[in-house]
Amino acid sequence: DGCPIHAFREKVIKNYESAIGGSRNRQSMI
């Protein structure tokens, strides 16, 4: 419960889907 890697995974998927064709912040992701 509260697994941070799972939270990171879901956030990345959401950001990717909302940023198709747009820019993504590599530094923030790292």
Full PDB file with SEQRES, HELIX, SHEET, SSBOND, CRYST1, ORIGX, SCALE, CONECT and MASTER records, all heavy atoms in Angstrom:
SEQRES   1 A   30  ASP GLY CYS PRO ILE HIS ALA PHE ARG GLU LYS VAL ILE          
SEQRES   2 A   30  LYS ASN TYR GLU SER ALA ILE GLY GLY SER ARG ASN ARG          
SEQRES   3 A   30  GLN SER MET ILE                                              
HELIX    1 AA1 PRO A    4  SER A   18  1                                  15    
HELIX    2 AA2 ARG A   26  MET A   29  1                                   4    
CRYST1    1.000    1.000    1.000  90.00  90.00  90.00 P 1           1          
ORIGX1      1.000000  0.000000  0.000000        0.00000                         
ORIGX2      0.000000  1.000000  0.000000        0.00000                         
ORIGX3      0.000000  0.000000  1.000000        0.00000                         
SCALE1      1.000000  0.000000  0.000000        0.00000                         
SCALE2      0.000000  1.000000  0.000000        0.00000                         
SCALE3      0.000000  0.000000  1.000000        0.00000                         
ATOM      1  N   ASP A   1       0.837  -1.194   0.000  1.00  0.00           N  
ATOM      2  CA  ASP A   1       0.000   0.000   0.000  1.00  0.00           C  
ATOM      3  C   ASP A   1       0.873   1.244   0.000  1.00  0.00           C  
ATOM      4  O   ASP A   1       1.804   1.369   0.804  1.00  0.00           O  
ATOM      5  CB  ASP A   1      -0.916   0.010   1.233  1.00  0.00           C  
ATOM      6  CG  ASP A   1      -2.017  -1.039   1.158  1.00  0.00           C  
ATOM      7  OD1 ASP A   1      -2.281  -1.523   0.035  1.00  0.00           O  
ATOM      8  OD2 ASP A   1      -2.584  -1.375   2.213  1.00  0.00           O  
ATOM      9  N   GLY A   2       0.566   2.158  -0.907  1.00  0.00           N  
ATOM     10  CA  GLY A   2       1.350   3.379  -1.018  1.00  0.00           C  
ATOM     11  C   GLY A   2       2.665   3.188  -1.737  1.00  0.00           C  
ATOM     12  O   GLY A   2       3.575   4.012  -1.593  1.00  0.00           O  
ATOM     13  N   CYS A   3       2.793   2.117  -2.519  1.00  0.00           N  
ATOM     14  CA  CYS A   3       4.040   1.799  -3.219  1.00  0.00           C  
ATOM     15  C   CYS A   3       4.463   2.967  -4.122  1.00  0.00           C  
ATOM     16  O   CYS A   3       3.753   3.313  -5.071  1.00  0.00           O  
ATOM     17  CB  CYS A   3       3.855   0.535  -4.058  1.00  0.00           C  
ATOM     18  SG  CYS A   3       5.276   0.119  -5.089  1.00  0.00           S  
ATOM     19  N   PRO A   4       5.599   3.592  -3.864  1.00  0.00           N  
ATOM     20  CA  PRO A   4       6.005   4.768  -4.654  1.00  0.00           C  
ATOM     21  C   PRO A   4       6.360   4.434  -6.100  1.00  0.00           C  
ATOM     22  O   PRO A   4       6.181   5.277  -6.986  1.00  0.00           O  
ATOM     23  CB  PRO A   4       7.210   5.305  -3.890  1.00  0.00           C  
ATOM     24  CG  PRO A   4       7.735   4.146  -3.121  1.00  0.00           C  
ATOM     25  CD  PRO A   4       6.561   3.297  -2.784  1.00  0.00           C  
ATOM     26  N   ILE A   5       6.870   3.238  -6.355  1.00  0.00           N  
ATOM     27  CA  ILE A   5       7.187   2.863  -7.734  1.00  0.00           C  
ATOM     28  C   ILE A   5       5.905   2.715  -8.543  1.00  0.00           C  
ATOM     29  O   ILE A   5       5.840   3.126  -9.706  1.00  0.00           O  
ATOM     30  CB  ILE A   5       8.007   1.555  -7.768  1.00  0.00           C  
ATOM     31  CG1 ILE A   5       9.380   1.767  -7.116  1.00  0.00           C  
ATOM     32  CG2 ILE A   5       8.177   1.064  -9.206  1.00  0.00           C  
ATOM     33  CD1 ILE A   5      10.264   2.783  -7.803  1.00  0.00           C  
ATOM     34  N   HIS A   6       4.876   2.171  -7.923  1.00  0.00           N  
ATOM     35  CA  HIS A   6       3.581   2.063  -8.613  1.00  0.00           C  
ATOM     36  C   HIS A   6       3.002   3.449  -8.880  1.00  0.00           C  
ATOM     37  O   HIS A   6       2.471   3.719  -9.973  1.00  0.00           O  
ATOM     38  CB  HIS A   6       2.611   1.232  -7.781  1.00  0.00           C  
ATOM     39  CG  HIS A   6       1.269   1.066  -8.422  1.00  0.00           C  
ATOM     40  ND1 HIS A   6       0.183   1.856  -8.100  1.00  0.00           N  
ATOM     41  CD2 HIS A   6       0.850   0.216  -9.406  1.00  0.00           C  
ATOM     42  CE1 HIS A   6      -0.843   1.494  -8.848  1.00  0.00           C  
ATOM     43  NE2 HIS A   6      -0.469   0.512  -9.642  1.00  0.00           N  
ATOM     44  N   ALA A   7       3.113   4.350  -7.887  1.00  0.00           N  
ATOM     45  CA  ALA A   7       2.621   5.720  -8.075  1.00  0.00           C  
ATOM     46  C   ALA A   7       3.377   6.410  -9.206  1.00  0.00           C  
ATOM     47  O   ALA A   7       2.780   7.123 -10.027  1.00  0.00           O  
ATOM     48  CB  ALA A   7       2.774   6.503  -6.772  1.00  0.00           C  
ATOM     49  N   PHE A   8       4.686   6.185  -9.263  1.00  0.00           N  
ATOM     50  CA  PHE A   8       5.499   6.751 -10.346  1.00  0.00           C  
ATOM     51  C   PHE A   8       5.043   6.198 -11.699  1.00  0.00           C  
ATOM     52  O   PHE A   8       4.872   6.945 -12.667  1.00  0.00           O  
ATOM     53  CB  PHE A   8       6.975   6.418 -10.113  1.00  0.00           C  
ATOM     54  CG  PHE A   8       7.862   6.709 -11.289  1.00  0.00           C  
ATOM     55  CD1 PHE A   8       8.187   8.006 -11.629  1.00  0.00           C  
ATOM     56  CD2 PHE A   8       8.355   5.673 -12.074  1.00  0.00           C  
ATOM     57  CE1 PHE A   8       8.996   8.276 -12.723  1.00  0.00           C  
ATOM     58  CE2 PHE A   8       9.172   5.927 -13.164  1.00  0.00           C  
ATOM     59  CZ  PHE A   8       9.490   7.242 -13.487  1.00  0.00           C  
ATOM     60  N   ARG A   9       4.831   4.885 -11.769  1.00  0.00           N  
ATOM     61  CA  ARG A   9       4.393   4.237 -13.006  1.00  0.00           C  
ATOM     62  C   ARG A   9       3.089   4.844 -13.513  1.00  0.00           C  
ATOM     63  O   ARG A   9       2.964   5.191 -14.696  1.00  0.00           O  
ATOM     64  CB  ARG A   9       4.202   2.741 -12.780  1.00  0.00           C  
ATOM     65  CG  ARG A   9       3.724   1.944 -13.987  1.00  0.00           C  
ATOM     66  CD  ARG A   9       3.455   0.503 -13.581  1.00  0.00           C  
ATOM     67  NE  ARG A   9       3.192  -0.353 -14.720  1.00  0.00           N  
ATOM     68  CZ  ARG A   9       1.992  -0.525 -15.286  1.00  0.00           C  
ATOM     69  NH1 ARG A   9       0.930   0.139 -14.806  1.00  0.00           N  
ATOM     70  NH2 ARG A   9       1.851  -1.332 -16.327  1.00  0.00           N  
ATOM     71  N   GLU A  10       2.117   4.999 -12.620  1.00  0.00           N  
ATOM     72  CA  GLU A  10       0.813   5.530 -13.032  1.00  0.00           C  
ATOM     73  C   GLU A  10       0.926   6.982 -13.470  1.00  0.00           C  
ATOM     74  O   GLU A  10       0.269   7.406 -14.421  1.00  0.00           O  
ATOM     75  CB  GLU A  10      -0.188   5.389 -11.879  1.00  0.00           C  
ATOM     76  CG  GLU A  10      -0.445   3.943 -11.465  1.00  0.00           C  
ATOM     77  CD  GLU A  10      -0.850   3.070 -12.643  1.00  0.00           C  
ATOM     78  OE1 GLU A  10      -1.871   3.385 -13.279  1.00  0.00           O  
ATOM     79  OE2 GLU A  10      -0.130   2.093 -12.949  1.00  0.00           O  
ATOM     80  N   LYS A  11       1.783   7.740 -12.801  1.00  0.00           N  
ATOM     81  CA  LYS A  11       1.970   9.146 -13.172  1.00  0.00           C  
ATOM     82  C   LYS A  11       2.614   9.254 -14.551  1.00  0.00           C  
ATOM     83  O   LYS A  11       2.203  10.094 -15.370  1.00  0.00           O  
ATOM     84  CB  LYS A  11       2.863   9.828 -12.125  1.00  0.00           C  
ATOM     85  CG  LYS A  11       3.077  11.315 -12.364  1.00  0.00           C  
ATOM     86  CD  LYS A  11       1.804  12.093 -12.167  1.00  0.00           C  
ATOM     87  CE  LYS A  11       2.058  13.594 -12.213  1.00  0.00           C  
ATOM     88  NZ  LYS A  11       0.798  14.368 -12.103  1.00  0.00           N  
ATOM     89  N   VAL A  12       3.597   8.410 -14.822  1.00  0.00           N  
ATOM     90  CA  VAL A  12       4.272   8.448 -16.119  1.00  0.00           C  
ATOM     91  C   VAL A  12       3.298   8.098 -17.236  1.00  0.00           C  
ATOM     92  O   VAL A  12       3.278   8.744 -18.291  1.00  0.00           O  
ATOM     93  CB  VAL A  12       5.476   7.481 -16.133  1.00  0.00           C  
ATOM     94  CG1 VAL A  12       5.996   7.295 -17.555  1.00  0.00           C  
ATOM     95  CG2 VAL A  12       6.594   8.010 -15.249  1.00  0.00           C  
ATOM     96  N   ILE A  13       2.486   7.054 -17.018  1.00  0.00           N  
ATOM     97  CA  ILE A  13       1.508   6.654 -18.034  1.00  0.00           C  
ATOM     98  C   ILE A  13       0.530   7.796 -18.310  1.00  0.00           C  
ATOM     99  O   ILE A  13       0.232   8.125 -19.463  1.00  0.00           O  
ATOM    100  CB  ILE A  13       0.755   5.398 -17.586  1.00  0.00           C  
ATOM    101  CG1 ILE A  13       1.697   4.199 -17.544  1.00  0.00           C  
ATOM    102  CG2 ILE A  13      -0.423   5.111 -18.520  1.00  0.00           C  
ATOM    103  CD1 ILE A  13       1.084   2.951 -16.951  1.00  0.00           C  
ATOM    104  N   LYS A  14       0.048   8.426 -17.245  1.00  0.00           N  
ATOM    105  CA  LYS A  14      -0.899   9.542 -17.401  1.00  0.00           C  
ATOM    106  C   LYS A  14      -0.257  10.701 -18.151  1.00  0.00           C  
ATOM    107  O   LYS A  14      -0.862  11.278 -19.067  1.00  0.00           O  
ATOM    108  CB  LYS A  14      -1.376   9.999 -16.026  1.00  0.00           C  
ATOM    109  CG  LYS A  14      -2.379  11.145 -16.076  1.00  0.00           C  
ATOM    110  CD  LYS A  14      -2.828  11.531 -14.673  1.00  0.00           C  
ATOM    111  CE  LYS A  14      -3.803  12.711 -14.728  1.00  0.00           C  
ATOM    112  NZ  LYS A  14      -4.248  13.112 -13.358  1.00  0.00           N  
ATOM    113  N   ASN A  15       0.971  11.025 -17.767  1.00  0.00           N  
ATOM    114  CA  ASN A  15       1.659  12.133 -18.443  1.00  0.00           C  
ATOM    115  C   ASN A  15       1.909  11.826 -19.911  1.00  0.00           C  
ATOM    116  O   ASN A  15       1.795  12.699 -20.771  1.00  0.00           O  
ATOM    117  CB  ASN A  15       2.990  12.422 -17.748  1.00  0.00           C  
ATOM    118  CG  ASN A  15       2.810  13.136 -16.424  1.00  0.00           C  
ATOM    119  OD1 ASN A  15       1.709  13.552 -16.094  1.00  0.00           O  
ATOM    120  ND2 ASN A  15       3.880  13.258 -15.671  1.00  0.00           N  
ATOM    121  N   TYR A  16       2.270  10.581 -20.208  1.00  0.00           N  
ATOM    122  CA  TYR A  16       2.551  10.197 -21.586  1.00  0.00           C  
ATOM    123  C   TYR A  16       1.293  10.322 -22.438  1.00  0.00           C  
ATOM    124  O   TYR A  16       1.317  10.865 -23.540  1.00  0.00           O  
ATOM    125  CB  TYR A  16       3.076   8.764 -21.649  1.00  0.00           C  
ATOM    126  CG  TYR A  16       3.439   8.323 -23.055  1.00  0.00           C  
ATOM    127  CD1 TYR A  16       4.687   8.620 -23.596  1.00  0.00           C  
ATOM    128  CD2 TYR A  16       2.526   7.632 -23.852  1.00  0.00           C  
ATOM    129  CE1 TYR A  16       5.018   8.242 -24.877  1.00  0.00           C  
ATOM    130  CE2 TYR A  16       2.851   7.247 -25.136  1.00  0.00           C  
ATOM    131  CZ  TYR A  16       4.096   7.555 -25.649  1.00  0.00           C  
ATOM    132  OH  TYR A  16       4.407   7.172 -26.927  1.00  0.00           O  
ATOM    133  N   GLU A  17       0.179   9.818 -21.912  1.00  0.00           N  
ATOM    134  CA  GLU A  17      -1.070   9.847 -22.673  1.00  0.00           C  
ATOM    135  C   GLU A  17      -1.563  11.276 -22.915  1.00  0.00           C  
ATOM    136  O   GLU A  17      -2.186  11.558 -23.930  1.00  0.00           O  
ATOM    137  CB  GLU A  17      -2.131   9.036 -21.937  1.00  0.00           C  
ATOM    138  CG  GLU A  17      -1.846   7.539 -21.927  1.00  0.00           C  
ATOM    139  CD  GLU A  17      -2.828   6.751 -21.086  1.00  0.00           C  
ATOM    140  OE1 GLU A  17      -3.589   7.406 -20.316  1.00  0.00           O  
ATOM    141  OE2 GLU A  17      -2.842   5.516 -21.176  1.00  0.00           O  
ATOM    142  N   SER A  18      -1.265  12.166 -21.977  1.00  0.00           N  
ATOM    143  CA  SER A  18      -1.726  13.546 -22.119  1.00  0.00           C  
ATOM    144  C   SER A  18      -0.746  14.420 -22.894  1.00  0.00           C  
ATOM    145  O   SER A  18      -1.049  15.560 -23.211  1.00  0.00           O  
ATOM    146  CB  SER A  18      -1.960  14.168 -20.737  1.00  0.00           C  
ATOM    147  OG  SER A  18      -0.746  14.259 -20.018  1.00  0.00           O  
ATOM    148  N   ALA A  19       0.427  13.868 -23.197  1.00  0.00           N  
ATOM    149  CA  ALA A  19       1.467  14.664 -23.859  1.00  0.00           C  
ATOM    150  C   ALA A  19       1.850  14.099 -25.214  1.00  0.00           C  
ATOM    151  O   ALA A  19       2.932  14.375 -25.716  1.00  0.00           O  
ATOM    152  CB  ALA A  19       2.703  14.750 -22.972  1.00  0.00           C  
ATOM    153  N   ILE A  20       0.985  13.268 -25.837  1.00  0.00           N  
ATOM    154  CA  ILE A  20       1.285  12.739 -27.161  1.00  0.00           C  
ATOM    155  C   ILE A  20       1.501  13.898 -28.129  1.00  0.00           C  
ATOM    156  O   ILE A  20       0.674  14.790 -28.261  1.00  0.00           O  
ATOM    157  CB  ILE A  20       0.138  11.849 -27.678  1.00  0.00           C  
ATOM    158  CG1 ILE A  20       0.009  10.596 -26.805  1.00  0.00           C  
ATOM    159  CG2 ILE A  20       0.356  11.479 -29.126  1.00  0.00           C  
ATOM    160  CD1 ILE A  20       1.203   9.673 -26.882  1.00  0.00           C  
ATOM    161  N   GLY A  21       2.640  13.871 -28.790  1.00  0.00           N  
ATOM    162  CA  GLY A  21       2.971  14.931 -29.734  1.00  0.00           C  
ATOM    163  C   GLY A  21       3.528  16.171 -29.058  1.00  0.00           C  
ATOM    164  O   GLY A  21       3.920  17.115 -29.723  1.00  0.00           O  
ATOM    165  N   GLY A  22       3.568  16.192 -27.734  1.00  0.00           N  
ATOM    166  CA  GLY A  22       4.093  17.340 -27.034  1.00  0.00           C  
ATOM    167  C   GLY A  22       5.433  17.039 -26.394  1.00  0.00           C  
ATOM    168  O   GLY A  22       6.040  16.011 -26.631  1.00  0.00           O  
ATOM    169  N   SER A  23       5.873  17.955 -25.570  1.00  0.00           N  
ATOM    170  CA  SER A  23       7.181  17.789 -24.930  1.00  0.00           C  
ATOM    171  C   SER A  23       7.030  17.098 -23.578  1.00  0.00           C  
ATOM    172  O   SER A  23       5.993  17.171 -22.942  1.00  0.00           O  
ATOM    173  CB  SER A  23       7.849  19.154 -24.745  1.00  0.00           C  
ATOM    174  OG  SER A  23       7.069  19.971 -23.899  1.00  0.00           O  
ATOM    175  N   ARG A  24       8.097  16.414 -23.167  1.00  0.00           N  
ATOM    176  CA  ARG A  24       8.121  15.772 -21.862  1.00  0.00           C  
ATOM    177  C   ARG A  24       9.400  16.191 -21.149  1.00  0.00           C  
ATOM    178  O   ARG A  24      10.452  16.269 -21.762  1.00  0.00           O  
ATOM    179  CB  ARG A  24       8.066  14.240 -22.006  1.00  0.00           C  
ATOM    180  CG  ARG A  24       6.828  13.775 -22.759  1.00  0.00           C  
ATOM    181  CD  ARG A  24       6.826  12.257 -22.943  1.00  0.00           C  
ATOM    182  NE  ARG A  24       5.685  11.853 -23.737  1.00  0.00           N  
ATOM    183  CZ  ARG A  24       5.664  11.861 -25.071  1.00  0.00           C  
ATOM    184  NH1 ARG A  24       6.732  12.250 -25.724  1.00  0.00           N  
ATOM    185  NH2 ARG A  24       4.594  11.490 -25.718  1.00  0.00           N  
ATOM    186  N   ASN A  25       9.285  16.436 -19.861  1.00  0.00           N  
ATOM    187  CA  ASN A  25      10.411  16.926 -19.097  1.00  0.00           C  
ATOM    188  C   ASN A  25      11.245  15.751 -18.609  1.00  0.00           C  
ATOM    189  O   ASN A  25      10.881  15.073 -17.650  1.00  0.00           O  
ATOM    190  CB  ASN A  25       9.898  17.762 -17.918  1.00  0.00           C  
ATOM    191  CG  ASN A  25      11.022  18.500 -17.212  1.00  0.00           C  
ATOM    192  OD1 ASN A  25      12.121  17.976 -17.065  1.00  0.00           O  
ATOM    193  ND2 ASN A  25      10.743  19.715 -16.788  1.00  0.00           N  
ATOM    194  N   ARG A  26      12.366  15.488 -19.276  1.00  0.00           N  
ATOM    195  CA  ARG A  26      13.220  14.367 -18.898  1.00  0.00           C  
ATOM    196  C   ARG A  26      13.783  14.537 -17.497  1.00  0.00           C  
ATOM    197  O   ARG A  26      13.841  13.595 -16.719  1.00  0.00           O  
ATOM    198  CB  ARG A  26      14.380  14.233 -19.887  1.00  0.00           C  
ATOM    199  CG  ARG A  26      14.018  13.621 -21.212  1.00  0.00           C  
ATOM    200  CD  ARG A  26      15.273  13.520 -22.063  1.00  0.00           C  
ATOM    201  NE  ARG A  26      15.056  12.704 -23.241  1.00  0.00           N  
ATOM    202  CZ  ARG A  26      16.024  12.406 -24.099  1.00  0.00           C  
ATOM    203  NH1 ARG A  26      17.251  12.858 -23.894  1.00  0.00           N  
ATOM    204  NH2 ARG A  26      15.776  11.655 -25.158  1.00  0.00           N  
ATOM    205  N   GLN A  27      14.229  15.755 -17.193  1.00  0.00           N  
ATOM    206  CA  GLN A  27      14.861  15.984 -15.906  1.00  0.00           C  
ATOM    207  C   GLN A  27      13.879  15.708 -14.776  1.00  0.00           C  
ATOM    208  O   GLN A  27      14.224  15.066 -13.773  1.00  0.00           O  
ATOM    209  CB  GLN A  27      15.381  17.412 -15.819  1.00  0.00           C  
ATOM    210  CG  GLN A  27      16.118  17.710 -14.513  1.00  0.00           C  
ATOM    211  CD  GLN A  27      16.772  19.075 -14.520  1.00  0.00           C  
ATOM    212  OE1 GLN A  27      16.806  19.736 -15.549  1.00  0.00           O  
ATOM    213  NE2 GLN A  27      17.279  19.499 -13.384  1.00  0.00           N  
ATOM    214  N   SER A  28      12.643  16.179 -14.917  1.00  0.00           N  
ATOM    215  CA  SER A  28      11.631  15.935 -13.898  1.00  0.00           C  
ATOM    216  C   SER A  28      11.371  14.444 -13.727  1.00  0.00           C  
ATOM    217  O   SER A  28      11.232  13.942 -12.605  1.00  0.00           O  
ATOM    218  CB  SER A  28      10.325  16.653 -14.280  1.00  0.00           C  
ATOM    219  OG  SER A  28       9.306  16.347 -13.355  1.00  0.00           O  
ATOM    220  N   MET A  29      11.325  13.712 -14.848  1.00  0.00           N  
ATOM    221  CA  MET A  29      11.090  12.279 -14.780  1.00  0.00           C  
ATOM    222  C   MET A  29      12.213  11.561 -14.035  1.00  0.00           C  
ATOM    223  O   MET A  29      11.973  10.676 -13.198  1.00  0.00           O  
ATOM    224  CB  MET A  29      10.966  11.682 -16.192  1.00  0.00           C  
ATOM    225  CG  MET A  29      10.624  10.195 -16.189  1.00  0.00           C  
ATOM    226  SD  MET A  29      10.836   9.410 -17.808  1.00  0.00           S  
ATOM    227  CE  MET A  29       9.728  10.369 -18.810  1.00  0.00           C  
ATOM    228  N   ILE A  30      13.448  11.948 -14.310  1.00  0.00           N  
ATOM    229  CA  ILE A  30      14.589  11.293 -13.665  1.00  0.00           C  
ATOM    230  C   ILE A  30      14.583  11.547 -12.167  1.00  0.00           C  
ATOM    231  O   ILE A  30      14.754  10.626 -11.364  1.00  0.00           O  
ATOM    232  CB  ILE A  30      15.905  11.783 -14.301  1.00  0.00           C  
ATOM    233  CG1 ILE A  30      15.999  11.300 -15.752  1.00  0.00           C  
ATOM    234  CG2 ILE A  30      17.109  11.282 -13.499  1.00  0.00           C  
ATOM    235  CD1 ILE A  30      17.127  11.928 -16.527  1.00  0.00           C  
TER     236      ILE A  30                                                      
MASTER        0    0    0    2    0    0    0    6  235    1    0    3          
END                                                                             
